[in-house]
Amino acid sequence: MRSLKKQVKVQRPKKEMVRGAEASKRVTVFWKRKERLVAAIREGTR
């Protein structure tokens, strides 16, 4: 018997080339978002 599972191919977008200034901007924005995310988790109900 044949297997009935379908094979799924993952399609990812190509990687972007980011310059230094843009990379540092993304890093600073990430830390701000991370702090808000952690604060939201701490305030949530357990």
C-alpha atoms as a PDB file:
ATOM      1  CA  MET A   1       0.000   0.000   0.000  1.00  0.00           C
ATOM      2  CA  ARG A   2       1.048   3.533  -0.647  1.00  0.00           C
ATOM      3  CA  SER A   3       1.436   6.090   2.057  1.00  0.00           C
ATOM      4  CA  LEU A   4      -1.371   8.654   2.153  1.00  0.00           C
ATOM      5  CA  LYS A   5       0.779  11.431   3.624  1.00  0.00           C
ATOM      6  CA  LYS A   6       1.320  14.455   1.441  1.00  0.00           C
ATOM      7  CA  GLN A   7       4.747  15.972   1.275  1.00  0.00           C
ATOM      8  CA  VAL A   8       4.768  19.682   1.980  1.00  0.00           C
ATOM      9  CA  LYS A   9       7.557  21.867   0.641  1.00  0.00           C
ATOM     10  CA  VAL A  10       8.460  24.879   2.744  1.00  0.00           C
ATOM     11  CA  GLN A  11       8.851  28.034   0.693  1.00  0.00           C
ATOM     12  CA  ARG A  12      10.716  30.820   2.404  1.00  0.00           C
ATOM     13  CA  PRO A  13      11.436  34.286   1.062  1.00  0.00           C
ATOM     14  CA  LYS A  14      14.993  35.058   0.039  1.00  0.00           C
ATOM     15  CA  LYS A  15      17.212  36.658   2.664  1.00  0.00           C
ATOM     16  CA  GLU A  16      17.628  40.407   2.512  1.00  0.00           C
ATOM     17  CA  MET A  17      20.975  42.124   2.477  1.00  0.00           C
ATOM     18  CA  VAL A  18      20.870  44.716   5.263  1.00  0.00           C
ATOM     19  CA  ARG A  19      23.344  47.555   5.670  1.00  0.00           C
ATOM     20  CA  GLY A  20      24.931  48.415   9.023  1.00  0.00           C
ATOM     21  CA  ALA A  21      22.702  51.376   9.858  1.00  0.00           C
ATOM     22  CA  GLU A  22      19.537  49.426   9.093  1.00  0.00           C
ATOM     23  CA  ALA A  23      20.769  46.445  11.109  1.00  0.00           C
ATOM     24  CA  SER A  24      21.457  48.558  14.203  1.00  0.00           C
ATOM     25  CA  LYS A  25      18.028  50.185  13.856  1.00  0.00           C
ATOM     26  CA  ARG A  26      16.353  46.771  13.737  1.00  0.00           C
ATOM     27  CA  VAL A  27      18.251  45.602  16.820  1.00  0.00           C
ATOM     28  CA  THR A  28      17.166  48.614  18.899  1.00  0.00           C
ATOM     29  CA  VAL A  29      13.538  48.219  17.803  1.00  0.00           C
ATOM     30  CA  PHE A  30      13.659  44.515  18.698  1.00  0.00           C
ATOM     31  CA  TRP A  31      14.722  45.219  22.292  1.00  0.00           C
ATOM     32  CA  LYS A  32      11.884  47.710  22.737  1.00  0.00           C
ATOM     33  CA  ARG A  33       9.360  45.165  21.454  1.00  0.00           C
ATOM     34  CA  LYS A  34      10.858  42.446  23.632  1.00  0.00           C
ATOM     35  CA  GLU A  35      10.484  44.589  26.774  1.00  0.00           C
ATOM     36  CA  ARG A  36       6.806  45.239  25.952  1.00  0.00           C
ATOM     37  CA  LEU A  37       6.213  41.557  25.295  1.00  0.00           C
ATOM     38  CA  VAL A  38       7.781  40.508  28.600  1.00  0.00           C
ATOM     39  CA  ALA A  39       5.748  43.148  30.453  1.00  0.00           C
ATOM     40  CA  ALA A  40       2.538  41.907  28.830  1.00  0.00           C
ATOM     41  CA  ILE A  41       3.310  38.324  29.826  1.00  0.00           C
ATOM     42  CA  ARG A  42       4.032  39.337  33.423  1.00  0.00           C
ATOM     43  CA  GLU A  43       0.726  41.232  33.676  1.00  0.00           C
ATOM     44  CA  GLY A  44      -1.281  38.306  32.243  1.00  0.00           C
ATOM     45  CA  THR A  45      -3.242  35.898  34.388  1.00  0.00           C
ATOM     46  CA  ARG A  46      -1.647  32.614  35.341  1.00  0.00           C
END
